[in-house]
Amino acid sequence: MMYSRITKALKEMKSKEQPTDYLNFYCLGKKELYDENSEVINEEEFKKLPRFQQHILETRRSPIYVHSKLMIVDDSYVLLGSANINQRSLAGSRDSEIAVGGYQPTHIIHDGNYPKGEVHKFRLALFVQHMKMNDIVFQNPDSIDCVRRINMIANMNWDNYVLEEMELDSNLLKYPYTVTKGGVEPRALFFPDAFDAQGYIYNPHFSTFKMSNFINEILPSSLKKSLLS
């Protein structure tokens, strides 16, 4: 729906820009190849490991799960809190939540010029953390050049993430879909190593296994009965 609205507005303006120049979704992942410094276990030790751990050693990749709720607005205001966007967090009568907001009165956006205060530095530090590089275009995050540069890095990382013999230079991944003015198309049916509806792990290069095996081998006994019943 969001991309449909952006596409409609671009068409009305007869713009040559793409929907992804204005709205994007990313995730984080890590992956590494074996080298002379990698820890190696022998075949007998490998066979004793739960299948899930064997799979991680085979693929050398995994998603990075980030549970923080962070918003940075125009390099002027930063908000960090514990609330999720759901009824439990936002109703005000259930979960207890906390949030911290910060800004510098002398460093706020003015006449379209981005401030260069501590919020700006914090946002740049996050960019460097997730993309392992700095670029002059990162100074102005609302510019088309900045957005396209980030998308190029994230798309390249996704391609390397799913290939067997490629290592990631940084952690930012583009969600696996392609957006054009004609619509949204998936680039993959599943994330690599994710579970499908039948309880099998999806991986184009390695064998699959049942979700029930994962539950039996990994989860504490207190959770097994409810999940397997």
Protein backbone atom coordinates (compact mmCIF):
# COMPACT_ATOMS: atom_id res chain seq x y z
CA MET A 1 0.00 0.00 0.00
CA MET A 2 2.76 2.46 0.90
CA TYR A 3 4.62 1.83 -2.35
CA SER A 4 1.36 2.14 -4.30
CA ARG A 5 0.80 5.61 -2.89
CA ILE A 6 4.34 6.71 -3.67
CA THR A 7 4.07 5.30 -7.20
CA LYS A 8 0.78 7.11 -7.76
CA ALA A 9 2.29 10.42 -6.62
CA LEU A 10 5.35 9.95 -8.86
CA LYS A 11 3.16 9.21 -11.87
CA GLU A 12 1.01 12.26 -11.19
CA MET A 13 4.16 14.39 -11.10
CA LYS A 14 5.51 12.61 -14.21
CA SER A 15 8.68 11.98 -12.24
CA LYS A 16 11.43 9.65 -13.42
CA GLU A 17 12.33 8.80 -9.83
CA GLN A 18 11.60 5.37 -8.36
CA PRO A 19 9.52 4.47 -5.27
CA THR A 20 12.68 3.21 -3.56
CA ASP A 21 14.10 6.72 -3.76
CA TYR A 22 11.66 7.53 -0.94
CA LEU A 23 10.91 4.37 1.06
CA ASN A 24 13.07 1.35 1.87
CA PHE A 25 13.23 -1.58 4.27
CA TYR A 26 16.47 -3.15 5.46
CA CYS A 27 17.65 -5.89 7.76
CA LEU A 28 21.01 -6.97 9.17
CA GLY A 29 22.99 -10.15 8.69
CA LYS A 30 26.48 -11.53 9.15
CA LYS A 31 28.49 -14.06 7.20
CA GLU A 32 32.10 -15.14 7.07
CA LEU A 33 34.19 -17.65 5.15
CA TYR A 34 36.69 -20.09 6.55
CA ASP A 35 40.28 -18.88 6.65
CA GLU A 36 43.48 -19.74 8.50
CA ASN A 37 42.14 -18.09 11.66
CA SER A 38 38.81 -19.94 11.70
CA GLU A 39 38.13 -22.42 14.46
CA VAL A 40 37.85 -25.92 12.99
CA ILE A 41 36.27 -28.91 14.73
CA ASN A 42 36.82 -32.51 13.70
CA GLU A 43 34.18 -34.68 12.09
CA GLU A 44 33.33 -36.61 15.23
CA GLU A 45 32.72 -33.44 17.25
CA PHE A 46 30.65 -32.03 14.39
CA LYS A 47 28.35 -35.07 14.35
CA LYS A 48 27.63 -34.67 18.06
CA LEU A 49 26.31 -31.12 17.62
CA PRO A 50 22.56 -30.42 17.28
CA ARG A 51 21.54 -30.15 13.63
CA PHE A 52 20.86 -26.43 13.99
CA GLN A 53 24.41 -25.77 15.14
CA GLN A 54 25.76 -27.92 12.33
CA HIS A 55 23.81 -25.83 9.87
CA ILE A 56 25.27 -22.57 11.18
CA LEU A 57 28.77 -24.00 10.83
CA GLU A 58 27.98 -25.09 7.27
CA THR A 59 26.55 -21.78 6.10
CA ARG A 60 28.67 -19.44 8.28
CA ARG A 61 25.83 -16.93 8.15
CA SER A 62 22.95 -15.77 10.33
CA PRO A 63 20.59 -12.81 10.63
CA ILE A 64 21.28 -10.15 13.25
CA TYR A 65 18.22 -9.57 15.40
CA VAL A 66 17.96 -5.99 16.66
CA HIS A 67 15.20 -5.25 19.14
CA SER A 68 15.85 -1.55 19.71
CA LYS A 69 13.30 1.07 18.71
CA LEU A 70 15.18 4.04 17.38
CA MET A 71 14.04 6.99 15.30
CA ILE A 72 16.19 9.85 14.02
CA VAL A 73 14.36 12.78 12.42
CA ASP A 74 16.19 15.19 10.09
CA ASP A 75 19.39 14.87 12.12
CA SER A 76 17.61 17.09 14.65
CA TYR A 77 15.78 14.76 17.01
CA VAL A 78 16.54 11.26 18.28
CA LEU A 79 14.04 9.00 20.06
CA LEU A 80 14.95 5.70 21.69
CA GLY A 81 12.40 3.68 23.62
CA SER A 82 11.12 0.28 24.62
CA ALA A 83 7.60 0.39 23.18
CA ASN A 84 6.50 -1.77 20.27
CA ILE A 85 3.91 -0.55 17.79
CA ASN A 86 1.09 -2.65 19.19
CA GLN A 87 -1.80 -2.44 21.65
CA ARG A 88 0.17 -3.79 24.60
CA SER A 89 2.78 -1.07 24.43
CA LEU A 90 0.67 1.89 23.34
CA ALA A 91 -2.63 1.45 25.20
CA GLY A 92 -1.20 2.98 28.36
CA SER A 93 -2.91 0.44 30.62
CA ARG A 94 -0.80 -2.69 30.13
CA ASP A 95 2.98 -2.85 29.71
CA SER A 96 5.26 -0.30 31.30
CA GLU A 97 7.45 1.42 28.72
CA ILE A 98 10.16 4.05 28.73
CA ALA A 99 11.52 6.37 26.06
CA VAL A 100 14.25 8.98 25.85
CA GLY A 101 14.20 11.82 23.34
CA GLY A 102 16.95 14.31 22.68
CA TYR A 103 17.75 17.35 20.58
CA GLN A 104 19.98 20.41 20.65
CA PRO A 105 18.12 23.73 20.38
CA THR A 106 21.00 25.25 18.43
CA HIS A 107 21.19 22.29 16.01
CA ILE A 108 17.79 21.84 14.38
CA ILE A 109 16.84 21.73 10.71
CA HIS A 110 16.35 25.21 9.26
CA ASP A 111 15.41 26.21 5.71
CA GLY A 112 16.13 22.67 4.54
CA ASN A 113 19.69 22.70 5.88
CA TYR A 114 20.59 19.73 8.02
CA PRO A 115 22.18 20.49 11.40
CA LYS A 116 25.66 19.20 12.21
CA GLY A 117 25.26 18.58 15.94
CA GLU A 118 25.48 15.46 18.07
CA VAL A 119 22.36 13.83 16.55
CA HIS A 120 23.94 14.21 13.11
CA LYS A 121 27.17 12.61 14.36
CA PHE A 122 25.23 9.78 15.99
CA ARG A 123 23.36 9.01 12.76
CA LEU A 124 26.61 9.01 10.76
CA ALA A 125 28.16 6.65 13.31
CA LEU A 126 25.26 4.22 12.79
CA PHE A 127 25.73 4.42 9.02
CA VAL A 128 29.42 3.58 9.40
CA GLN A 129 28.59 0.75 11.83
CA HIS A 130 26.16 -0.91 9.43
CA MET A 131 27.95 -0.20 6.12
CA LYS A 132 31.59 -0.24 7.29
CA MET A 133 32.38 2.89 5.31
CA ASN A 134 31.85 6.62 5.18
CA ASP A 135 30.76 8.53 2.12
CA ILE A 136 30.27 12.22 1.50
CA VAL A 137 26.70 11.55 0.34
CA PHE A 138 25.83 10.30 3.84
CA GLN A 139 25.99 13.91 5.03
CA ASN A 140 22.56 14.55 3.45
CA PRO A 141 20.38 11.48 4.05
CA ASP A 142 17.38 12.88 2.17
CA SER A 143 19.29 13.24 -1.09
CA ILE A 144 18.61 10.81 -3.93
CA ASP A 145 22.35 10.16 -4.19
CA CYS A 146 22.49 9.04 -0.55
CA VAL A 147 19.45 6.79 -0.81
CA ARG A 148 20.68 5.13 -4.00
CA ARG A 149 24.16 4.66 -2.58
CA ILE A 150 22.76 2.89 0.48
CA ASN A 151 20.47 0.74 -1.69
CA MET A 152 23.41 -0.24 -3.88
CA ILE A 153 25.40 -1.38 -0.82
CA ALA A 154 22.42 -3.22 0.71
CA ASN A 155 21.50 -4.97 -2.56
CA MET A 156 25.10 -6.08 -3.11
CA ASN A 157 25.24 -7.40 0.45
CA TRP A 158 22.04 -9.40 -0.07
CA ASP A 159 23.46 -10.98 -3.23
CA ASN A 160 26.64 -11.94 -1.34
CA TYR A 161 24.66 -13.16 1.66
CA VAL A 162 22.81 -15.83 -0.34
CA LEU A 163 25.83 -17.00 -2.35
CA GLU A 164 27.87 -19.82 -0.88
CA GLU A 165 31.40 -18.56 -1.55
CA MET A 166 30.96 -14.84 -0.85
CA GLU A 167 31.72 -12.90 2.33
CA LEU A 168 29.95 -9.78 3.52
CA ASP A 169 31.84 -6.51 3.67
CA SER A 170 29.16 -5.01 5.94
CA ASN A 171 25.93 -5.99 7.68
CA LEU A 172 23.18 -3.96 5.98
CA LEU A 173 20.92 -6.08 3.74
CA LYS A 174 18.05 -5.04 1.51
CA TYR A 175 14.88 -6.98 2.08
CA PRO A 176 14.56 -9.46 -0.82
CA TYR A 177 12.06 -7.74 -3.06
CA THR A 178 12.25 -5.51 -6.11
CA VAL A 179 10.11 -2.38 -6.35
CA THR A 180 9.30 -0.63 -9.62
CA LYS A 181 6.44 1.60 -10.71
CA GLY A 182 4.79 -1.59 -11.90
CA GLY A 183 4.64 -3.14 -8.45
CA VAL A 184 6.54 -5.20 -5.89
CA GLU A 185 8.12 -8.54 -6.81
CA PRO A 186 9.95 -10.91 -4.42
CA ARG A 187 13.58 -11.75 -5.13
CA ALA A 188 13.33 -14.86 -2.97
CA LEU A 189 10.50 -16.95 -1.53
CA PHE A 190 12.30 -17.29 1.80
CA PHE A 191 15.25 -15.87 3.63
CA PRO A 192 18.11 -18.36 3.43
CA ASP A 193 18.04 -20.68 6.45
CA ALA A 194 14.52 -19.60 7.37
CA PHE A 195 11.72 -22.06 8.13
CA ASP A 196 8.94 -22.51 5.59
CA ALA A 197 5.32 -23.35 6.34
CA GLN A 198 6.05 -27.08 6.43
CA GLY A 199 8.74 -26.70 9.08
CA TYR A 200 11.69 -27.16 6.76
CA ILE A 201 14.66 -24.86 6.69
CA TYR A 202 15.12 -23.18 3.33
CA ASN A 203 18.61 -23.25 1.92
CA PRO A 204 19.58 -23.66 -1.74
CA HIS A 205 22.94 -25.26 -0.93
CA PHE A 206 22.42 -27.44 2.14
CA SER A 207 20.11 -30.18 3.31
CA THR A 208 16.81 -29.45 5.05
CA PHE A 209 15.50 -30.66 8.39
CA LYS A 210 12.25 -30.66 10.31
CA MET A 211 11.23 -27.90 12.70
CA SER A 212 10.39 -30.64 15.22
CA ASN A 213 14.06 -31.66 15.23
CA PHE A 214 15.07 -28.09 15.97
CA ILE A 215 12.57 -27.89 18.84
CA ASN A 216 13.73 -31.19 20.35
CA GLU A 217 17.42 -30.33 20.13
CA ILE A 218 17.50 -26.65 21.06
CA LEU A 219 14.52 -25.56 23.17
CA PRO A 220 14.15 -26.17 26.92
CA SER A 221 11.78 -28.95 27.92
CA SER A 222 9.28 -26.46 29.36
CA LEU A 223 8.55 -25.15 25.86
CA LYS A 224 8.70 -28.37 23.86
CA LYS A 225 5.31 -29.77 24.87
CA SER A 226 3.33 -26.65 23.96
CA LEU A 227 5.08 -26.20 20.62
CA LEU A 228 4.84 -29.84 19.54
CA SER A 229 1.26 -30.44 20.71
